[in-house]
C-alpha atoms as a PDB file:
ATOM      1  CA  MET A   1     -26.335 -10.720 -36.216  1.00  0.00           C
ATOM      2  CA  VAL A   2     -22.695 -11.433 -35.312  1.00  0.00           C
ATOM      3  CA  CYS A   3     -21.690 -15.069 -35.225  1.00  0.00           C
ATOM      4  CA  VAL A   4     -18.751 -15.851 -32.929  1.00  0.00           C
ATOM      5  CA  GLU A   5     -16.749 -18.897 -33.897  1.00  0.00           C
ATOM      6  CA  HIS A   6     -15.700 -21.265 -31.109  1.00  0.00           C
ATOM      7  CA  VAL A   7     -13.183 -24.016 -31.783  1.00  0.00           C
ATOM      8  CA  GLU A   8     -12.504 -26.701 -29.214  1.00  0.00           C
ATOM      9  CA  VAL A   9      -8.814 -26.794 -28.304  1.00  0.00           C
ATOM     10  CA  ALA A  10      -8.779 -29.424 -25.574  1.00  0.00           C
ATOM     11  CA  ARG A  11     -11.197 -31.518 -23.554  1.00  0.00           C
ATOM     12  CA  ALA A  12     -10.808 -33.699 -20.472  1.00  0.00           C
ATOM     13  CA  ASP A  13     -13.075 -35.737 -18.232  1.00  0.00           C
ATOM     14  CA  SER A  14     -12.539 -36.098 -14.513  1.00  0.00           C
ATOM     15  CA  PRO A  15     -14.563 -37.309 -11.516  1.00  0.00           C
ATOM     16  CA  ARG A  16     -15.984 -33.780 -11.357  1.00  0.00           C
ATOM     17  CA  GLY A  17     -17.183 -33.788 -14.948  1.00  0.00           C
ATOM     18  CA  GLU A  18     -16.049 -32.221 -18.184  1.00  0.00           C
ATOM     19  CA  LEU A  19     -13.411 -29.542 -18.657  1.00  0.00           C
ATOM     20  CA  VAL A  20     -13.228 -27.828 -22.045  1.00  0.00           C
ATOM     21  CA  LEU A  21     -10.821 -25.255 -23.421  1.00  0.00           C
ATOM     22  CA  ARG A  22     -12.173 -23.378 -26.436  1.00  0.00           C
ATOM     23  CA  GLU A  23     -10.699 -20.793 -28.760  1.00  0.00           C
ATOM     24  CA  ARG A  24     -12.968 -17.871 -29.501  1.00  0.00           C
ATOM     25  CA  ARG A  25     -11.895 -16.449 -32.838  1.00  0.00           C
ATOM     26  CA  PRO A  26     -12.395 -12.813 -33.837  1.00  0.00           C
ATOM     27  CA  ASP A  27     -14.958 -12.006 -36.476  1.00  0.00           C
ATOM     28  CA  ALA A  28     -16.156  -9.018 -38.460  1.00  0.00           C
ATOM     29  CA  GLY A  29     -17.854  -7.533 -35.409  1.00  0.00           C
ATOM     30  CA  ASP A  30     -14.652  -7.339 -33.319  1.00  0.00           C
ATOM     31  CA  PRO A  31     -12.351  -4.311 -33.190  1.00  0.00           C
ATOM     32  CA  PRO A  32      -9.485  -4.279 -35.712  1.00  0.00           C
ATOM     33  CA  GLY A  33      -6.458  -6.178 -34.453  1.00  0.00           C
ATOM     34  CA  SER A  34      -8.463  -8.433 -32.152  1.00  0.00           C
ATOM     35  CA  SER A  35      -6.841 -11.788 -31.514  1.00  0.00           C
ATOM     36  CA  ALA A  36      -8.235 -15.176 -30.609  1.00  0.00           C
ATOM     37  CA  ALA A  37      -9.170 -15.731 -26.966  1.00  0.00           C
ATOM     38  CA  LEU A  38      -9.179 -18.895 -24.914  1.00  0.00           C
ATOM     39  CA  GLU A  39     -12.228 -19.755 -22.852  1.00  0.00           C
ATOM     40  CA  LEU A  40     -12.412 -22.324 -20.057  1.00  0.00           C
ATOM     41  CA  ARG A  41     -15.683 -24.111 -19.252  1.00  0.00           C
ATOM     42  CA  ALA A  42     -16.465 -26.674 -16.551  1.00  0.00           C
ATOM     43  CA  ASN A  43     -19.517 -28.854 -17.173  1.00  0.00           C
ATOM     44  CA  GLY A  44     -20.700 -26.325 -19.720  1.00  0.00           C
ATOM     45  CA  VAL A  45     -20.420 -23.388 -17.290  1.00  0.00           C
ATOM     46  CA  PHE A  46     -18.178 -20.472 -18.244  1.00  0.00           C
ATOM     47  CA  VAL A  47     -15.282 -20.205 -15.782  1.00  0.00           C
ATOM     48  CA  MET A  48     -12.890 -17.649 -17.302  1.00  0.00           C
ATOM     49  CA  ASP A  49     -11.196 -16.517 -20.468  1.00  0.00           C
ATOM     50  CA  THR A  50      -8.031 -14.731 -21.567  1.00  0.00           C
ATOM     51  CA  VAL A  51      -9.820 -11.467 -22.335  1.00  0.00           C
ATOM     52  CA  GLU A  52     -11.411 -10.402 -19.054  1.00  0.00           C
ATOM     53  CA  VAL A  53      -8.570 -11.073 -16.630  1.00  0.00           C
ATOM     54  CA  GLY A  54      -8.947  -7.979 -14.482  1.00  0.00           C
ATOM     55  CA  THR A  55     -10.656  -9.818 -11.639  1.00  0.00           C
ATOM     56  CA  GLU A  56      -7.860 -12.384 -11.283  1.00  0.00           C
ATOM     57  CA  ARG A  57      -5.218  -9.669 -11.307  1.00  0.00           C
ATOM     58  CA  ALA A  58      -7.180  -7.422  -8.950  1.00  0.00           C
ATOM     59  CA  LEU A  59      -7.620 -10.289  -6.499  1.00  0.00           C
ATOM     60  CA  ALA A  60      -3.873 -10.741  -6.272  1.00  0.00           C
ATOM     61  CA  THR A  61      -3.108  -7.020  -6.152  1.00  0.00           C
ATOM     62  CA  ALA A  62      -5.612  -6.354  -3.367  1.00  0.00           C
ATOM     63  CA  ALA A  63      -4.463  -9.381  -1.381  1.00  0.00           C
ATOM     64  CA  LEU A  64      -0.759  -8.545  -1.671  1.00  0.00           C
ATOM     65  CA  ALA A  65      -1.456  -5.057  -0.339  1.00  0.00           C
ATOM     66  CA  LEU A  66      -2.763  -6.544   2.919  1.00  0.00           C
ATOM     67  CA  VAL A  67       0.508  -8.127   4.017  1.00  0.00           C
ATOM     68  CA  GLU A  68       3.774  -6.323   4.643  1.00  0.00           C
ATOM     69  CA  HIS A  69       6.008  -9.264   3.782  1.00  0.00           C
ATOM     70  CA  PRO A  70       4.156 -11.792   1.580  1.00  0.00           C
ATOM     71  CA  SER A  71       7.203 -13.976   1.014  1.00  0.00           C
ATOM     72  CA  SER A  72       5.227 -17.231   0.905  1.00  0.00           C
ATOM     73  CA  VAL A  73       1.860 -17.284  -0.865  1.00  0.00           C
ATOM     74  CA  LEU A  74      -0.686 -20.052  -1.405  1.00  0.00           C
ATOM     75  CA  VAL A  75      -3.152 -19.768  -4.287  1.00  0.00           C
ATOM     76  CA  GLY A  76      -6.129 -22.092  -4.394  1.00  0.00           C
ATOM     77  CA  GLY A  77      -6.951 -22.670  -8.061  1.00  0.00           C
ATOM     78  CA  LEU A  78      -4.695 -22.273 -11.113  1.00  0.00           C
ATOM     79  CA  GLY A  79      -7.291 -21.172 -13.637  1.00  0.00           C
ATOM     80  CA  LEU A  80      -5.496 -19.779 -16.669  1.00  0.00           C
ATOM     81  CA  GLY A  81      -2.662 -18.471 -14.532  1.00  0.00           C
ATOM     82  CA  TYR A  82      -3.441 -14.772 -14.246  1.00  0.00           C
ATOM     83  CA  THR A  83      -3.590 -14.663 -10.446  1.00  0.00           C
ATOM     84  CA  LEU A  84      -0.263 -16.517 -10.303  1.00  0.00           C
ATOM     85  CA  HIS A  85       1.208 -14.089 -12.854  1.00  0.00           C
ATOM     86  CA  GLU A  86       0.230 -11.117 -10.713  1.00  0.00           C
ATOM     87  CA  VAL A  87       1.582 -12.702  -7.523  1.00  0.00           C
ATOM     88  CA  LEU A  88       4.923 -13.422  -9.190  1.00  0.00           C
ATOM     89  CA  GLY A  89       5.053  -9.808 -10.334  1.00  0.00           C
ATOM     90  CA  ASP A  90       5.550  -8.760  -6.704  1.00  0.00           C
ATOM     91  CA  PRO A  91       9.281  -8.809  -5.864  1.00  0.00           C
ATOM     92  CA  ARG A  92       8.501  -9.497  -2.198  1.00  0.00           C
ATOM     93  CA  VAL A  93       7.188 -12.962  -3.093  1.00  0.00           C
ATOM     94  CA  GLU A  94       9.812 -15.667  -2.729  1.00  0.00           C
ATOM     95  CA  ARG A  95       7.558 -18.668  -3.309  1.00  0.00           C
ATOM     96  CA  CYS A  96       4.039 -19.116  -4.650  1.00  0.00           C
ATOM     97  CA  THR A  97       2.391 -22.500  -4.262  1.00  0.00           C
ATOM     98  CA  VAL A  98      -0.643 -23.095  -6.476  1.00  0.00           C
ATOM     99  CA  VAL A  99      -2.970 -25.988  -5.688  1.00  0.00           C
ATOM    100  CA  GLU A 100      -5.055 -27.191  -8.630  1.00  0.00           C
ATOM    101  CA  LEU A 101      -7.445 -30.125  -8.564  1.00  0.00           C
ATOM    102  CA  GLU A 102      -7.672 -30.756 -12.310  1.00  0.00           C
ATOM    103  CA  PRO A 103      -4.540 -32.444 -13.750  1.00  0.00           C
ATOM    104  CA  ALA A 104      -5.624 -31.635 -17.305  1.00  0.00           C
ATOM    105  CA  LEU A 105      -5.588 -27.914 -16.603  1.00  0.00           C
ATOM    106  CA  VAL A 106      -2.041 -28.169 -15.254  1.00  0.00           C
ATOM    107  CA  ASP A 107      -1.000 -30.194 -18.313  1.00  0.00           C
ATOM    108  CA  TRP A 108      -2.484 -27.605 -20.685  1.00  0.00           C
ATOM    109  CA  MET A 109      -0.509 -24.865 -18.958  1.00  0.00           C
ATOM    110  CA  ARG A 110       2.711 -26.872 -18.985  1.00  0.00           C
ATOM    111  CA  ASP A 111       2.602 -28.134 -22.573  1.00  0.00           C
ATOM    112  CA  GLY A 112       1.686 -24.832 -24.210  1.00  0.00           C
ATOM    113  CA  THR A 113      -1.940 -25.607 -25.011  1.00  0.00           C
ATOM    114  CA  VAL A 114      -2.396 -22.394 -23.029  1.00  0.00           C
ATOM    115  CA  PRO A 115       0.332 -20.435 -24.833  1.00  0.00           C
ATOM    116  CA  HIS A 116       1.525 -18.303 -21.928  1.00  0.00           C
ATOM    117  CA  GLY A 117       1.651 -21.306 -19.563  1.00  0.00           C
ATOM    118  CA  PRO A 118       5.199 -22.625 -20.057  1.00  0.00           C
ATOM    119  CA  ALA A 119       6.872 -19.239 -19.548  1.00  0.00           C
ATOM    120  CA  LEU A 120       4.777 -18.551 -16.457  1.00  0.00           C
ATOM    121  CA  LEU A 121       5.557 -21.903 -14.868  1.00  0.00           C
ATOM    122  CA  ALA A 122       9.255 -21.544 -15.689  1.00  0.00           C
ATOM    123  CA  ASP A 123       9.549 -19.037 -12.827  1.00  0.00           C
ATOM    124  CA  ALA A 124      11.489 -20.850 -10.105  1.00  0.00           C
ATOM    125  CA  ARG A 125       9.252 -19.309  -7.448  1.00  0.00           C
ATOM    126  CA  ALA A 126       6.139 -21.038  -8.856  1.00  0.00           C
ATOM    127  CA  HIS A 127       5.306 -24.466  -7.404  1.00  0.00           C
ATOM    128  CA  LEU A 128       2.310 -26.418  -8.661  1.00  0.00           C
ATOM    129  CA  VAL A 129       0.595 -29.029  -6.518  1.00  0.00           C
ATOM    130  CA  VAL A 130      -2.026 -31.222  -8.181  1.00  0.00           C
ATOM    131  CA  ALA A 131      -4.316 -32.072  -5.285  1.00  0.00           C
ATOM    132  CA  ASP A 132      -7.559 -31.327  -3.525  1.00  0.00           C
ATOM    133  CA  LEU A 133      -7.086 -27.948  -1.837  1.00  0.00           C
ATOM    134  CA  ALA A 134      -8.508 -29.160   1.472  1.00  0.00           C
ATOM    135  CA  ASP A 135      -6.013 -32.036   1.549  1.00  0.00           C
ATOM    136  CA  ALA A 136      -3.101 -29.785   0.612  1.00  0.00           C
ATOM    137  CA  VAL A 137      -3.888 -27.273   3.342  1.00  0.00           C
ATOM    138  CA  ARG A 138      -4.447 -29.996   5.939  1.00  0.00           C
ATOM    139  CA  GLU A 139      -1.063 -31.526   5.097  1.00  0.00           C
ATOM    140  CA  ALA A 140       0.820 -28.214   5.137  1.00  0.00           C
ATOM    141  CA  ARG A 141       2.914 -27.338   8.164  1.00  0.00           C
ATOM    142  CA  ALA A 142       1.680 -24.697  10.589  1.00  0.00           C
ATOM    143  CA  ALA A 143       2.538 -21.058   9.819  1.00  0.00           C
ATOM    144  CA  ALA A 144       3.729 -21.942   6.312  1.00  0.00           C
ATOM    145  CA  TYR A 145       2.188 -18.974   4.477  1.00  0.00           C
ATOM    146  CA  ASP A 146       1.895 -15.213   4.760  1.00  0.00           C
ATOM    147  CA  LEU A 147      -1.028 -15.029   2.378  1.00  0.00           C
ATOM    148  CA  VAL A 148      -3.706 -17.431   1.142  1.00  0.00           C
ATOM    149  CA  LEU A 149      -5.829 -16.589  -1.913  1.00  0.00           C
ATOM    150  CA  LEU A 150      -8.928 -18.696  -2.523  1.00  0.00           C
ATOM    151  CA  ASP A 151     -10.434 -18.486  -6.000  1.00  0.00           C
ATOM    152  CA  VAL A 152     -11.637 -22.038  -6.561  1.00  0.00           C
ATOM    153  CA  ASP A 153     -15.254 -21.309  -7.420  1.00  0.00           C
ATOM    154  CA  ASN A 154     -17.655 -18.411  -7.950  1.00  0.00           C
ATOM    155  CA  GLY A 155     -18.238 -17.980  -4.224  1.00  0.00           C
ATOM    156  CA  PRO A 156     -20.359 -19.877  -1.703  1.00  0.00           C
ATOM    157  CA  GLU A 157     -23.650 -18.936  -3.354  1.00  0.00           C
ATOM    158  CA  HIS A 158     -22.715 -19.699  -6.986  1.00  0.00           C
ATOM    159  CA  LEU A 159     -20.890 -23.014  -6.889  1.00  0.00           C
ATOM    160  CA  VAL A 160     -19.823 -24.749 -10.087  1.00  0.00           C
ATOM    161  CA  HIS A 161     -19.012 -27.872  -8.061  1.00  0.00           C
ATOM    162  CA  ALA A 162     -21.165 -28.614  -5.002  1.00  0.00           C
ATOM    163  CA  ALA A 163     -18.244 -30.259  -3.199  1.00  0.00           C
ATOM    164  CA  ASN A 164     -16.530 -26.855  -3.014  1.00  0.00           C
ATOM    165  CA  ALA A 165     -19.035 -25.778  -0.350  1.00  0.00           C
ATOM    166  CA  ALA A 166     -16.673 -27.321   2.205  1.00  0.00           C
ATOM    167  CA  LEU A 167     -14.046 -24.697   1.323  1.00  0.00           C
ATOM    168  CA  TYR A 168     -16.288 -21.977   2.754  1.00  0.00           C
ATOM    169  CA  ALA A 169     -17.023 -23.823   6.003  1.00  0.00           C
ATOM    170  CA  VAL A 170     -15.477 -23.563   9.477  1.00  0.00           C
ATOM    171  CA  PRO A 171     -13.375 -26.786   9.505  1.00  0.00           C
ATOM    172  CA  PHE A 172     -11.457 -25.848   6.358  1.00  0.00           C
ATOM    173  CA  LEU A 173     -11.095 -22.189   7.363  1.00  0.00           C
ATOM    174  CA  ARG A 174      -9.618 -23.294  10.690  1.00  0.00           C
ATOM    175  CA  GLU A 175      -6.998 -25.210   8.724  1.00  0.00           C
ATOM    176  CA  VAL A 176      -6.302 -22.067   6.702  1.00  0.00           C
ATOM    177  CA  ALA A 177      -5.826 -20.102   9.929  1.00  0.00           C
ATOM    178  CA  ARG A 178      -3.412 -22.770  11.141  1.00  0.00           C
ATOM    179  CA  VAL A 179      -1.140 -22.461   8.101  1.00  0.00           C
ATOM    180  CA  LEU A 180      -1.033 -18.648   8.226  1.00  0.00           C
ATOM    181  CA  ARG A 181       1.836 -16.861   9.934  1.00  0.00           C
ATOM    182  CA  PRO A 182       1.205 -14.062  12.447  1.00  0.00           C
ATOM    183  CA  GLY A 183       0.146 -10.995  10.487  1.00  0.00           C
ATOM    184  CA  GLY A 184      -0.971 -13.155   7.564  1.00  0.00           C
ATOM    185  CA  ALA A 185      -4.268 -12.965   5.723  1.00  0.00           C
ATOM    186  CA  VAL A 186      -6.694 -15.062   3.704  1.00  0.00           C
ATOM    187  CA  VAL A 187      -8.654 -13.501   0.845  1.00  0.00           C
ATOM    188  CA  VAL A 188     -11.695 -15.279  -0.586  1.00  0.00           C
ATOM    189  CA  TRP A 189     -13.081 -14.179  -3.967  1.00  0.00           C
ATOM    190  CA  SER A 190     -16.859 -14.185  -4.471  1.00  0.00           C
ATOM    191  CA  ALA A 191     -19.084 -13.164  -7.364  1.00  0.00           C
ATOM    192  CA  ASP A 192     -21.458 -11.514  -4.882  1.00  0.00           C
ATOM    193  CA  GLU A 193     -21.266 -10.178  -1.372  1.00  0.00           C
ATOM    194  CA  ALA A 194     -21.716 -13.193   0.902  1.00  0.00           C
ATOM    195  CA  PRO A 195     -22.698 -12.109   4.446  1.00  0.00           C
ATOM    196  CA  ALA A 196     -22.941 -15.727   5.578  1.00  0.00           C
ATOM    197  CA  LEU A 197     -19.313 -16.258   4.600  1.00  0.00           C
ATOM    198  CA  GLY A 198     -18.363 -13.227   6.670  1.00  0.00           C
ATOM    199  CA  GLU A 199     -20.106 -14.735   9.675  1.00  0.00           C
ATOM    200  CA  THR A 200     -18.344 -18.038   9.119  1.00  0.00           C
ATOM    201  CA  LEU A 201     -14.966 -16.293   8.932  1.00  0.00           C
ATOM    202  CA  ARG A 202     -15.734 -14.575  12.256  1.00  0.00           C
ATOM    203  CA  GLU A 203     -16.027 -17.974  13.896  1.00  0.00           C
ATOM    204  CA  VAL A 204     -12.356 -18.516  13.087  1.00  0.00           C
ATOM    205  CA  PHE A 205     -10.715 -15.071  12.816  1.00  0.00           C
ATOM    206  CA  ASP A 206     -11.030 -11.913  14.897  1.00  0.00           C
ATOM    207  CA  ASP A 207     -10.256  -9.444  12.105  1.00  0.00           C
ATOM    208  CA  VAL A 208     -12.726  -9.931   9.238  1.00  0.00           C
ATOM    209  CA  GLY A 209     -14.001  -7.644   6.504  1.00  0.00           C
ATOM    210  CA  ALA A 210     -15.268  -7.461   2.938  1.00  0.00           C
ATOM    211  CA  GLN A 211     -14.518  -5.101   0.111  1.00  0.00           C
ATOM    212  CA  ALA A 212     -16.165  -4.508  -3.227  1.00  0.00           C
ATOM    213  CA  LEU A 213     -13.918  -4.929  -6.232  1.00  0.00           C
ATOM    214  CA  ALA A 214     -14.910  -2.736  -9.155  1.00  0.00           C
ATOM    215  CA  VAL A 215     -14.184  -4.291 -12.542  1.00  0.00           C
ATOM    216  CA  ASP A 216     -14.853  -3.424 -16.164  1.00  0.00           C
ATOM    217  CA  LEU A 217     -16.275  -6.316 -18.162  1.00  0.00           C
ATOM    218  CA  GLN A 218     -16.325  -5.396 -21.839  1.00  0.00           C
ATOM    219  CA  GLY A 219     -17.379  -1.855 -20.988  1.00  0.00           C
ATOM    220  CA  ARG A 220     -19.811  -2.985 -18.289  1.00  0.00           C
ATOM    221  CA  ALA A 221     -19.198  -1.812 -14.727  1.00  0.00           C
ATOM    222  CA  GLU A 222     -19.481  -4.736 -12.314  1.00  0.00           C
ATOM    223  CA  HIS A 223     -18.588  -5.466  -8.705  1.00  0.00           C
ATOM    224  CA  TYR A 224     -17.138  -8.597  -7.229  1.00  0.00           C
ATOM    225  CA  TRP A 225     -16.263  -9.126  -3.596  1.00  0.00           C
ATOM    226  CA  LEU A 226     -13.206 -10.004  -1.586  1.00  0.00           C
ATOM    227  CA  HIS A 227     -13.772 -11.426   1.880  1.00  0.00           C
ATOM    228  CA  VAL A 228     -10.705 -10.854   4.006  1.00  0.00           C
ATOM    229  CA  ALA A 229      -9.616 -12.303   7.326  1.00  0.00           C
ATOM    230  CA  ARG A 230      -6.367 -11.617   9.148  1.00  0.00           C
ATOM    231  CA  VAL A 231      -4.277 -13.271  11.789  1.00  0.00           C
ATOM    232  CA  SER A 232      -3.027 -10.966  14.542  1.00  0.00           C
ATOM    233  CA  PRO A 233       0.632  -9.937  14.132  1.00  0.00           C
ATOM    234  CA  THR A 234       1.189 -11.086  17.701  1.00  0.00           C
ATOM    235  CA  ALA A 235      -0.664 -14.386  17.362  1.00  0.00           C
ATOM    236  CA  THR A 236       1.092 -17.368  18.891  1.00  0.00           C
ATOM    237  CA  ASP A 237      -1.607 -19.884  18.000  1.00  0.00           C
ATOM    238  CA  ALA A 238      -2.905 -19.585  14.423  1.00  0.00           C
ATOM    239  CA  ALA A 239      -5.270 -22.527  14.776  1.00  0.00           C
ATOM    240  CA  GLY A 240      -8.264 -20.273  15.353  1.00  0.00           C
ATOM    241  CA  GLY A 241     -11.590 -21.114  16.934  1.00  0.00           C
END
């Protein structure tokens, strides 16, 4: 029986509960050359780690392919920075605003607790906003973004925080439509296909679809889902509904 060693690196409490960053150290059962991995948990629930980052990168890659000129991008949720990293890897992106609710997570990225954080955030195109995503979108000017990526939870049917249900509802999605430029798109990540989310998006957007995202998780073939909605390239009123 292989025993994996976990060492707590950082812990923070917020109104939403407990956030813990752990280091998962390699042991005799890991491949030669394996290095330590960081793992993020919220209220004891696994959120992400620094090993399986394909979903975060694939989310950004798929989303960026939807828009011809994604010069201004909004990312909901910082995580461990892999979606932001992929967005900044696209030379068409001139500015990427990331809205993160947990100040501790931002601090850990900035101060090097997450080792790759400082270099990532040193990119002049990266702008971090510590705020509730709904508030940040509501306060943004109209037609501010070409692309909005929402990866703040595990999807509408697998919420880590119950309050995030509002981010999959019509009022918030109408605000997202308002801040998108003509031809822009919103991409919502979900652990499973969520037909109800598709129906909700259709109440706000005319062009809605979903695509399966094939990923390899430690040799296991899995599928996640991207729910996509677009604003018409000729739209003059992005408020939707």
